[in-house]
Amino acid sequence: MAALALRVLSITLGLYFCFVGSLKVTPKINEDANKQFRTTFISYSRYFPLSKYHGWRPHPRTYRQFYGYAEIVSGAILVLFPAKGVLRFAKLAANVVLTILMSTTLTSHYLRGDGFETMSGQLVMSLLLLCRLIVFYQVTARENKEALYSKKREEMLRQALDAAEKVSQSKKDE
């Protein structure tokens, strides 16, 4: 059940971030939304969260394109990469990147003094990303536990077979 929830969250979040990222990058999908993102990122660059510490603010266009491409790539990883094997950690990295992007966005909204209605979309997506992380860790822990139990079971079976073989060997020798 948790694996199904993880798959549904991965596909839903991945498609959402691919779509929103492409809206930020290109006006071909929706010109009005792209224009709104352009004006929003001008304000975001003024309230860049790390500018207090080092004084540097990113150029609004570069900032918007970085966000857009990072969302597209991370969303594609969530949708396309398999949930098993080594590549599942690429999904974990994509989830962490998207969580950092969402926390930066929420911080910018807070510093701008935006209300809850403006932040609600990003807040929901941040919570869904955190839920995906929690479910990922639950599924990974269960898989590790099952693998450990199967190894112990095999070892116990081998020991029982060895003991049975020794008993039968000793009976033959008598």
N, C-alpha and C. Protein backbone atom coordinates (compact mmCIF):
# COMPACT_ATOMS: atom_id res chain seq x y z
N MET A 1 0.81 -1.19 0.00
CA MET A 1 0.00 0.00 0.00
C MET A 1 0.86 1.26 0.00
N ALA A 2 1.93 1.24 0.81
CA ALA A 2 2.81 2.40 0.86
C ALA A 2 3.54 2.58 -0.47
N ALA A 3 3.88 1.48 -1.13
CA ALA A 3 4.55 1.57 -2.42
C ALA A 3 3.63 2.20 -3.46
N LEU A 4 2.34 1.87 -3.40
CA LEU A 4 1.37 2.47 -4.30
C LEU A 4 1.23 3.97 -4.03
N ALA A 5 1.17 4.34 -2.76
CA ALA A 5 1.10 5.76 -2.40
C ALA A 5 2.34 6.50 -2.87
N LEU A 6 3.50 5.87 -2.74
CA LEU A 6 4.74 6.49 -3.21
C LEU A 6 4.71 6.69 -4.72
N ARG A 7 4.21 5.70 -5.45
CA ARG A 7 4.13 5.80 -6.90
C ARG A 7 3.17 6.91 -7.32
N VAL A 8 2.01 6.97 -6.67
CA VAL A 8 1.02 8.00 -7.01
C VAL A 8 1.56 9.39 -6.70
N LEU A 9 2.18 9.55 -5.53
CA LEU A 9 2.77 10.84 -5.18
C LEU A 9 3.87 11.23 -6.16
N SER A 10 4.71 10.28 -6.54
CA SER A 10 5.80 10.57 -7.47
C SER A 10 5.27 11.04 -8.82
N ILE A 11 4.30 10.34 -9.35
CA ILE A 11 3.77 10.70 -10.67
C ILE A 11 3.03 12.03 -10.61
N THR A 12 2.20 12.22 -9.61
CA THR A 12 1.42 13.45 -9.50
C THR A 12 2.33 14.66 -9.30
N LEU A 13 3.24 14.58 -8.36
CA LEU A 13 4.16 15.69 -8.11
C LEU A 13 5.07 15.93 -9.30
N GLY A 14 5.55 14.85 -9.91
CA GLY A 14 6.44 15.01 -11.07
C GLY A 14 5.76 15.72 -12.22
N LEU A 15 4.54 15.31 -12.54
CA LEU A 15 3.81 15.98 -13.63
C LEU A 15 3.50 17.43 -13.28
N TYR A 16 3.14 17.68 -12.04
CA TYR A 16 2.85 19.06 -11.62
C TYR A 16 4.09 19.94 -11.79
N PHE A 17 5.23 19.47 -11.29
CA PHE A 17 6.43 20.30 -11.36
C PHE A 17 6.96 20.42 -12.79
N CYS A 18 6.79 19.41 -13.61
CA CYS A 18 7.16 19.54 -15.02
C CYS A 18 6.31 20.63 -15.69
N PHE A 19 5.02 20.64 -15.40
CA PHE A 19 4.13 21.62 -16.00
C PHE A 19 4.44 23.03 -15.51
N VAL A 20 4.55 23.21 -14.21
CA VAL A 20 4.81 24.54 -13.65
C VAL A 20 6.20 25.04 -14.07
N GLY A 21 7.17 24.13 -14.09
CA GLY A 21 8.51 24.53 -14.53
C GLY A 21 8.52 24.98 -15.98
N SER A 22 7.77 24.28 -16.83
CA SER A 22 7.73 24.70 -18.23
C SER A 22 6.97 26.01 -18.39
N LEU A 23 6.02 26.31 -17.53
CA LEU A 23 5.36 27.62 -17.56
C LEU A 23 6.35 28.73 -17.22
N LYS A 24 7.28 28.45 -16.32
CA LYS A 24 8.27 29.45 -15.93
C LYS A 24 9.31 29.68 -17.01
N VAL A 25 9.59 28.65 -17.79
CA VAL A 25 10.67 28.72 -18.77
C VAL A 25 10.21 29.30 -20.11
N THR A 26 9.07 28.87 -20.59
CA THR A 26 8.65 29.24 -21.94
C THR A 26 7.24 29.83 -21.96
N PRO A 27 7.01 30.84 -22.80
CA PRO A 27 5.66 31.39 -22.93
C PRO A 27 4.79 30.60 -23.92
N LYS A 28 5.31 29.54 -24.50
CA LYS A 28 4.56 28.81 -25.53
C LYS A 28 3.35 28.07 -24.97
N ILE A 29 3.39 27.67 -23.72
CA ILE A 29 2.27 26.93 -23.13
C ILE A 29 1.16 27.90 -22.73
N ASN A 30 1.50 28.92 -21.98
CA ASN A 30 0.54 29.92 -21.54
C ASN A 30 1.28 31.24 -21.36
N GLU A 31 1.05 32.17 -22.26
CA GLU A 31 1.80 33.42 -22.24
C GLU A 31 1.48 34.27 -21.02
N ASP A 32 0.22 34.26 -20.59
CA ASP A 32 -0.16 35.06 -19.43
C ASP A 32 0.50 34.54 -18.15
N ALA A 33 0.52 33.24 -18.00
CA ALA A 33 1.16 32.65 -16.81
C ALA A 33 2.66 32.92 -16.81
N ASN A 34 3.29 32.83 -17.98
CA ASN A 34 4.71 33.12 -18.08
C ASN A 34 4.99 34.57 -17.72
N LYS A 35 4.15 35.46 -18.18
CA LYS A 35 4.32 36.89 -17.87
C LYS A 35 4.15 37.14 -16.37
N GLN A 36 3.19 36.45 -15.77
CA GLN A 36 2.99 36.59 -14.33
C GLN A 36 4.20 36.05 -13.56
N PHE A 37 4.76 34.93 -14.00
CA PHE A 37 5.96 34.40 -13.35
C PHE A 37 7.13 35.36 -13.50
N ARG A 38 7.24 36.00 -14.66
CA ARG A 38 8.33 36.97 -14.85
C ARG A 38 8.23 38.12 -13.86
N THR A 39 7.04 38.68 -13.68
CA THR A 39 6.90 39.78 -12.73
C THR A 39 7.07 39.30 -11.29
N THR A 40 6.63 38.08 -11.00
CA THR A 40 6.77 37.53 -9.66
C THR A 40 8.24 37.33 -9.31
N PHE A 41 9.03 36.83 -10.26
CA PHE A 41 10.44 36.57 -9.97
C PHE A 41 11.26 37.84 -9.87
N ILE A 42 10.77 38.94 -10.42
CA ILE A 42 11.43 40.22 -10.18
C ILE A 42 11.35 40.56 -8.69
N SER A 43 10.17 40.34 -8.13
CA SER A 43 9.99 40.57 -6.70
C SER A 43 10.76 39.54 -5.87
N TYR A 44 10.75 38.27 -6.32
CA TYR A 44 11.48 37.22 -5.60
C TYR A 44 12.97 37.54 -5.50
N SER A 45 13.54 38.07 -6.57
CA SER A 45 14.97 38.35 -6.54
C SER A 45 15.29 39.46 -5.55
N ARG A 46 14.35 40.38 -5.31
CA ARG A 46 14.58 41.42 -4.31
C ARG A 46 14.60 40.83 -2.90
N TYR A 47 13.80 39.80 -2.70
CA TYR A 47 13.68 39.17 -1.39
C TYR A 47 14.34 37.80 -1.36
N PHE A 48 15.44 37.67 -2.07
CA PHE A 48 16.18 36.41 -2.08
C PHE A 48 16.62 36.10 -0.65
N PRO A 49 16.30 34.90 -0.13
CA PRO A 49 16.53 34.61 1.29
C PRO A 49 17.98 34.75 1.76
N LEU A 50 18.94 34.45 0.91
CA LEU A 50 20.33 34.49 1.36
C LEU A 50 21.00 35.84 1.14
N SER A 51 20.27 36.83 0.61
CA SER A 51 20.89 38.13 0.33
C SER A 51 21.26 38.88 1.60
N LYS A 52 20.62 38.56 2.72
CA LYS A 52 20.99 39.19 3.99
C LYS A 52 22.43 38.87 4.37
N TYR A 53 22.86 37.65 4.06
CA TYR A 53 24.15 37.17 4.54
C TYR A 53 25.31 37.50 3.62
N HIS A 54 25.05 37.51 2.33
CA HIS A 54 26.17 37.77 1.42
C HIS A 54 25.90 38.93 0.47
N GLY A 55 24.73 39.54 0.50
CA GLY A 55 24.46 40.74 -0.28
C GLY A 55 24.20 40.52 -1.77
N TRP A 56 24.34 39.31 -2.24
CA TRP A 56 24.15 39.02 -3.66
C TRP A 56 22.70 38.66 -3.93
N ARG A 57 22.18 39.21 -5.02
CA ARG A 57 20.82 38.86 -5.45
C ARG A 57 20.89 38.37 -6.89
N PRO A 58 20.20 37.29 -7.18
CA PRO A 58 20.25 36.76 -8.54
C PRO A 58 19.46 37.64 -9.50
N HIS A 59 19.86 37.60 -10.77
CA HIS A 59 19.10 38.30 -11.81
C HIS A 59 17.75 37.61 -11.93
N PRO A 60 16.64 38.36 -12.03
CA PRO A 60 15.32 37.73 -12.06
C PRO A 60 15.14 36.69 -13.17
N ARG A 61 15.68 36.97 -14.34
CA ARG A 61 15.52 36.02 -15.46
C ARG A 61 16.28 34.72 -15.17
N THR A 62 17.50 34.84 -14.68
CA THR A 62 18.30 33.67 -14.36
C THR A 62 17.66 32.88 -13.23
N TYR A 63 17.16 33.60 -12.25
CA TYR A 63 16.50 32.97 -11.11
C TYR A 63 15.27 32.18 -11.56
N ARG A 64 14.45 32.78 -12.41
CA ARG A 64 13.23 32.12 -12.92
C ARG A 64 13.59 30.92 -13.77
N GLN A 65 14.57 31.06 -14.65
CA GLN A 65 14.96 29.94 -15.51
C GLN A 65 15.58 28.81 -14.70
N PHE A 66 16.39 29.15 -13.71
CA PHE A 66 16.96 28.10 -12.84
C PHE A 66 15.85 27.33 -12.15
N TYR A 67 14.89 28.06 -11.58
CA TYR A 67 13.76 27.40 -10.93
C TYR A 67 13.00 26.52 -11.91
N GLY A 68 12.71 27.07 -13.08
CA GLY A 68 11.93 26.32 -14.07
C GLY A 68 12.63 25.05 -14.50
N TYR A 69 13.90 25.16 -14.88
CA TYR A 69 14.62 23.96 -15.32
C TYR A 69 14.83 22.97 -14.19
N ALA A 70 15.08 23.45 -12.99
CA ALA A 70 15.23 22.54 -11.85
C ALA A 70 13.92 21.79 -11.59
N GLU A 71 12.80 22.49 -11.72
CA GLU A 71 11.50 21.83 -11.53
C GLU A 71 11.22 20.83 -12.64
N ILE A 72 11.57 21.16 -13.88
CA ILE A 72 11.34 20.24 -15.00
C ILE A 72 12.18 18.98 -14.83
N VAL A 73 13.46 19.15 -14.55
CA VAL A 73 14.36 18.00 -14.42
C VAL A 73 13.96 17.14 -13.21
N SER A 74 13.70 17.77 -12.08
CA SER A 74 13.32 17.01 -10.89
C SER A 74 11.97 16.32 -11.08
N GLY A 75 11.03 17.00 -11.71
CA GLY A 75 9.74 16.38 -11.99
C GLY A 75 9.86 15.19 -12.93
N ALA A 76 10.70 15.34 -13.95
CA ALA A 76 10.91 14.23 -14.89
C ALA A 76 11.56 13.03 -14.19
N ILE A 77 12.47 13.30 -13.29
CA ILE A 77 13.10 12.21 -12.53
C ILE A 77 12.06 11.49 -11.68
N LEU A 78 11.18 12.25 -11.04
CA LEU A 78 10.13 11.63 -10.21
C LEU A 78 9.20 10.75 -11.04
N VAL A 79 8.92 11.18 -12.28
CA VAL A 79 7.98 10.42 -13.11
C VAL A 79 8.66 9.24 -13.80
N LEU A 80 9.85 9.45 -14.34
CA LEU A 80 10.44 8.48 -15.25
C LEU A 80 11.35 7.43 -14.61
N PHE A 81 12.00 7.76 -13.52
CA PHE A 81 12.96 6.83 -12.94
C PHE A 81 12.23 5.74 -12.16
N PRO A 82 12.78 4.53 -12.15
CA PRO A 82 12.12 3.43 -11.42
C PRO A 82 12.24 3.61 -9.90
N ALA A 83 11.30 3.00 -9.21
CA ALA A 83 11.28 3.11 -7.75
C ALA A 83 12.20 2.10 -7.08
N LYS A 84 12.71 1.14 -7.83
CA LYS A 84 13.59 0.10 -7.27
C LYS A 84 15.02 0.34 -7.72
N GLY A 85 15.94 -0.21 -7.00
CA GLY A 85 17.34 -0.17 -7.39
C GLY A 85 18.03 1.12 -6.99
N VAL A 86 19.15 1.36 -7.63
CA VAL A 86 19.99 2.51 -7.30
C VAL A 86 19.34 3.83 -7.72
N LEU A 87 18.56 3.81 -8.79
CA LEU A 87 17.98 5.05 -9.29
C LEU A 87 16.89 5.62 -8.38
N ARG A 88 16.45 4.86 -7.39
CA ARG A 88 15.47 5.43 -6.47
C ARG A 88 16.09 6.55 -5.65
N PHE A 89 17.41 6.54 -5.51
CA PHE A 89 18.06 7.62 -4.78
C PHE A 89 18.13 8.89 -5.63
N ALA A 90 18.04 8.75 -6.96
CA ALA A 90 17.89 9.94 -7.80
C ALA A 90 16.54 10.58 -7.54
N LYS A 91 15.52 9.75 -7.33
CA LYS A 91 14.20 10.28 -6.97
C LYS A 91 14.26 10.98 -5.62
N LEU A 92 15.01 10.42 -4.69
CA LEU A 92 15.18 11.06 -3.39
C LEU A 92 15.86 12.42 -3.55
N ALA A 93 16.90 12.48 -4.37
CA ALA A 93 17.60 13.75 -4.60
C ALA A 93 16.67 14.76 -5.26
N ALA A 94 15.86 14.32 -6.23
CA ALA A 94 14.90 15.23 -6.87
C ALA A 94 13.89 15.74 -5.87
N ASN A 95 13.44 14.88 -4.98
CA ASN A 95 12.49 15.29 -3.94
C ASN A 95 13.12 16.33 -3.02
N VAL A 96 14.36 16.12 -2.64
CA VAL A 96 15.05 17.07 -1.76
C VAL A 96 15.24 18.41 -2.47
N VAL A 97 15.62 18.38 -3.75
CA VAL A 97 15.80 19.62 -4.51
C VAL A 97 14.49 20.39 -4.58
N LEU A 98 13.40 19.69 -4.87
CA LEU A 98 12.10 20.37 -4.95
C LEU A 98 11.66 20.90 -3.59
N THR A 99 11.97 20.18 -2.53
CA THR A 99 11.64 20.67 -1.19
C THR A 99 12.41 21.93 -0.85
N ILE A 100 13.68 21.98 -1.24
CA ILE A 100 14.49 23.19 -1.02
C ILE A 100 13.94 24.35 -1.83
N LEU A 101 13.58 24.09 -3.08
CA LEU A 101 13.00 25.15 -3.91
C LEU A 101 11.70 25.69 -3.30
N MET A 102 10.87 24.79 -2.82
CA MET A 102 9.60 25.21 -2.23
C MET A 102 9.83 25.99 -0.93
N SER A 103 10.80 25.58 -0.13
CA SER A 103 11.08 26.32 1.10
C SER A 103 11.64 27.70 0.79
N THR A 104 12.44 27.81 -0.25
CA THR A 104 12.95 29.12 -0.67
C THR A 104 11.80 30.00 -1.16
N THR A 105 10.87 29.41 -1.89
CA THR A 105 9.71 30.16 -2.37
C THR A 105 8.85 30.63 -1.20
N LEU A 106 8.61 29.75 -0.24
CA LEU A 106 7.82 30.14 0.92
C LEU A 106 8.51 31.24 1.73
N THR A 107 9.83 31.15 1.83
CA THR A 107 10.58 32.20 2.54
C THR A 107 10.46 33.53 1.81
N SER A 108 10.55 33.50 0.50
CA SER A 108 10.41 34.74 -0.28
C SER A 108 9.01 35.33 -0.10
N HIS A 109 8.00 34.49 -0.12
CA HIS A 109 6.63 34.98 0.11
C HIS A 109 6.51 35.61 1.50
N TYR A 110 7.09 34.97 2.49
CA TYR A 110 7.01 35.49 3.85
C TYR A 110 7.73 36.83 3.95
N LEU A 111 8.92 36.93 3.36
CA LEU A 111 9.67 38.18 3.42
C LEU A 111 8.98 39.31 2.66
N ARG A 112 8.25 38.96 1.62
CA ARG A 112 7.49 39.97 0.88
C ARG A 112 6.25 40.43 1.63
N GLY A 113 5.84 39.65 2.61
CA GLY A 113 4.64 39.98 3.37
C GLY A 113 3.36 39.50 2.70
N ASP A 114 3.48 38.50 1.85
CA ASP A 114 2.31 37.95 1.18
C ASP A 114 1.42 37.24 2.20
N GLY A 115 0.16 37.18 1.88
CA GLY A 115 -0.78 36.51 2.76
C GLY A 115 -0.79 35.01 2.54
N PHE A 116 -1.58 34.35 3.36
CA PHE A 116 -1.68 32.90 3.30
C PHE A 116 -2.25 32.43 1.97
N GLU A 117 -3.19 33.20 1.41
CA GLU A 117 -3.81 32.79 0.14
C GLU A 117 -2.78 32.75 -1.00
N THR A 118 -1.75 33.55 -0.93
CA THR A 118 -0.70 33.53 -1.95
C THR A 118 0.24 32.34 -1.74
N MET A 119 0.49 32.01 -0.49
CA MET A 119 1.43 30.94 -0.16
C MET A 119 0.79 29.56 -0.14
N SER A 120 -0.52 29.47 -0.21
CA SER A 120 -1.19 28.19 0.02
C SER A 120 -0.80 27.12 -1.00
N GLY A 121 -0.66 27.48 -2.27
CA GLY A 121 -0.26 26.49 -3.27
C GLY A 121 1.12 25.90 -3.01
N GLN A 122 2.07 26.77 -2.72
CA GLN A 122 3.42 26.29 -2.42
C GLN A 122 3.47 25.51 -1.11
N LEU A 123 2.63 25.92 -0.16
CA LEU A 123 2.59 25.21 1.12
C LEU A 123 2.06 23.79 0.95
N VAL A 124 1.02 23.65 0.14
CA VAL A 124 0.46 22.32 -0.13
C VAL A 124 1.48 21.44 -0.84
N MET A 125 2.16 21.99 -1.85
CA MET A 125 3.16 21.20 -2.57
C MET A 125 4.34 20.83 -1.66
N SER A 126 4.72 21.74 -0.76
CA SER A 126 5.79 21.42 0.19
C SER A 126 5.38 20.27 1.11
N LEU A 127 4.14 20.32 1.58
CA LEU A 127 3.66 19.24 2.45
C LEU A 127 3.58 17.92 1.70
N LEU A 128 3.15 17.96 0.44
CA LEU A 128 3.11 16.72 -0.35
C LEU A 128 4.51 16.16 -0.59
N LEU A 129 5.48 17.04 -0.83
CA LEU A 129 6.87 16.59 -0.99
C LEU A 129 7.39 15.97 0.30
N LEU A 130 7.06 16.58 1.43
CA LEU A 130 7.48 16.00 2.71
C LEU A 130 6.78 14.67 2.96
N CYS A 131 5.51 14.56 2.59
CA CYS A 131 4.82 13.27 2.71
C CYS A 131 5.48 12.22 1.83
N ARG A 132 5.90 12.59 0.64
CA ARG A 132 6.59 11.64 -0.24
C ARG A 132 7.90 11.18 0.38
N LEU A 133 8.63 12.11 1.02
CA LEU A 133 9.86 11.72 1.71
C LEU A 133 9.58 10.73 2.83
N ILE A 134 8.55 10.97 3.61
CA ILE A 134 8.22 10.08 4.72
C ILE A 134 7.84 8.69 4.20
N VAL A 135 7.01 8.66 3.16
CA VAL A 135 6.60 7.37 2.59
C VAL A 135 7.80 6.65 1.98
N PHE A 136 8.71 7.41 1.34
CA PHE A 136 9.92 6.81 0.77
C PHE A 136 10.74 6.12 1.87
N TYR A 137 10.92 6.80 2.99
CA TYR A 137 11.69 6.20 4.08
C TYR A 137 10.98 4.99 4.68
N GLN A 138 9.66 5.03 4.74
CA GLN A 138 8.92 3.87 5.24
C GLN A 138 9.09 2.67 4.31
N VAL A 139 8.96 2.90 3.01
CA VAL A 139 9.10 1.81 2.04
C VAL A 139 10.52 1.26 2.07
N THR A 140 11.51 2.14 2.12
CA THR A 140 12.90 1.71 2.16
C THR A 140 13.19 0.91 3.42
N ALA A 141 12.68 1.36 4.56
CA ALA A 141 12.90 0.64 5.81
C ALA A 141 12.26 -0.74 5.76
N ARG A 142 11.06 -0.82 5.19
CA ARG A 142 10.39 -2.12 5.09
C ARG A 142 11.17 -3.05 4.16
N GLU A 143 11.64 -2.54 3.03
CA GLU A 143 12.42 -3.38 2.10
C GLU A 143 13.71 -3.87 2.76
N ASN A 144 14.38 -2.99 3.50
CA ASN A 144 15.61 -3.40 4.18
C ASN A 144 15.31 -4.45 5.25
N LYS A 145 14.22 -4.28 5.97
CA LYS A 145 13.84 -5.24 7.00
C LYS A 145 13.51 -6.60 6.39
N GLU A 146 12.77 -6.59 5.28
CA GLU A 146 12.43 -7.84 4.61
C GLU A 146 13.67 -8.53 4.06
N ALA A 147 14.60 -7.75 3.53
CA ALA A 147 15.84 -8.34 3.01
C ALA A 147 16.66 -8.95 4.14
N LEU A 148 16.69 -8.28 5.28
CA LEU A 148 17.42 -8.81 6.42
C LEU A 148 16.78 -10.10 6.92
N TYR A 149 15.45 -10.11 7.02
CA TYR A 149 14.76 -11.32 7.47
C TYR A 149 14.94 -12.47 6.49
N SER A 150 14.92 -12.18 5.20
CA SER A 150 15.10 -13.26 4.22
C SER A 150 16.51 -13.83 4.31
N LYS A 151 17.51 -12.99 4.55
CA LYS A 151 18.87 -13.49 4.72
C LYS A 151 18.99 -14.36 5.97
N LYS A 152 18.36 -13.91 7.06
CA LYS A 152 18.40 -14.70 8.30
C LYS A 152 17.67 -16.02 8.11
N ARG A 153 16.54 -15.99 7.39
CA ARG A 153 15.78 -17.21 7.14
C ARG A 153 16.61 -18.18 6.32
N GLU A 154 17.29 -17.70 5.28
CA GLU A 154 18.13 -18.57 4.46
C GLU A 154 19.26 -19.17 5.30
N GLU A 155 19.85 -18.35 6.16
CA GLU A 155 20.94 -18.84 7.00
C GLU A 155 20.44 -19.91 7.97
N MET A 156 19.29 -19.69 8.57
CA MET A 156 18.72 -20.68 9.48
C MET A 156 18.37 -21.97 8.73
N LEU A 157 17.85 -21.84 7.52
CA LEU A 157 17.53 -23.01 6.71
C LEU A 157 18.78 -23.81 6.39
N ARG A 158 19.85 -23.10 6.01
CA ARG A 158 21.11 -23.77 5.72
C ARG A 158 21.64 -24.49 6.95
N GLN A 159 21.56 -23.86 8.12
CA GLN A 159 22.02 -24.50 9.35
C GLN A 159 21.19 -25.74 9.66
N ALA A 160 19.88 -25.65 9.47
CA ALA A 160 19.01 -26.80 9.73
C ALA A 160 19.33 -27.93 8.75
N LEU A 161 19.55 -27.60 7.48
CA LEU A 161 19.91 -28.63 6.50
C LEU A 161 21.26 -29.26 6.83
N ASP A 162 22.21 -28.44 7.24
CA ASP A 162 23.52 -28.97 7.63
C ASP A 162 23.40 -29.90 8.84
N ALA A 163 22.58 -29.50 9.80
CA ALA A 163 22.39 -30.34 10.99
C ALA A 163 21.70 -31.64 10.61
N ALA A 164 20.70 -31.58 9.75
CA ALA A 164 20.01 -32.79 9.31
C ALA A 164 20.95 -33.69 8.54
N GLU A 165 21.81 -33.10 7.73
CA GLU A 165 22.78 -33.88 6.98
C GLU A 165 23.78 -34.56 7.91
N LYS A 166 24.20 -33.85 8.95
CA LYS A 166 25.12 -34.44 9.92
C LYS A 166 24.47 -35.60 10.65
N VAL A 167 23.20 -35.43 11.01
CA VAL A 167 22.48 -36.51 11.70
C VAL A 167 22.35 -37.72 10.79
N SER A 168 21.98 -37.49 9.56
CA SER A 168 21.84 -38.63 8.63
C SER A 168 23.21 -39.27 8.36
N GLN A 169 24.26 -38.47 8.30
CA GLN A 169 25.60 -38.98 8.09
C GLN A 169 26.03 -39.84 9.29
N SER A 170 25.70 -39.38 10.50
CA SER A 170 26.08 -40.15 11.71
C SER A 170 25.31 -41.45 11.79
N LYS A 171 24.06 -41.47 11.34
CA LYS A 171 23.26 -42.70 11.33
C LYS A 171 23.82 -43.69 10.32
N LYS A 172 24.30 -43.19 9.18
CA LYS A 172 24.90 -44.07 8.19
C LYS A 172 26.19 -44.67 8.72
N ASP A 173 26.94 -43.90 9.45
CA ASP A 173 28.23 -44.37 9.99
C ASP A 173 28.02 -45.44 11.06
N GLU A 174 26.90 -45.43 11.75
CA GLU A 174 26.65 -46.41 12.82
C GLU A 174 26.31 -47.69 12.22
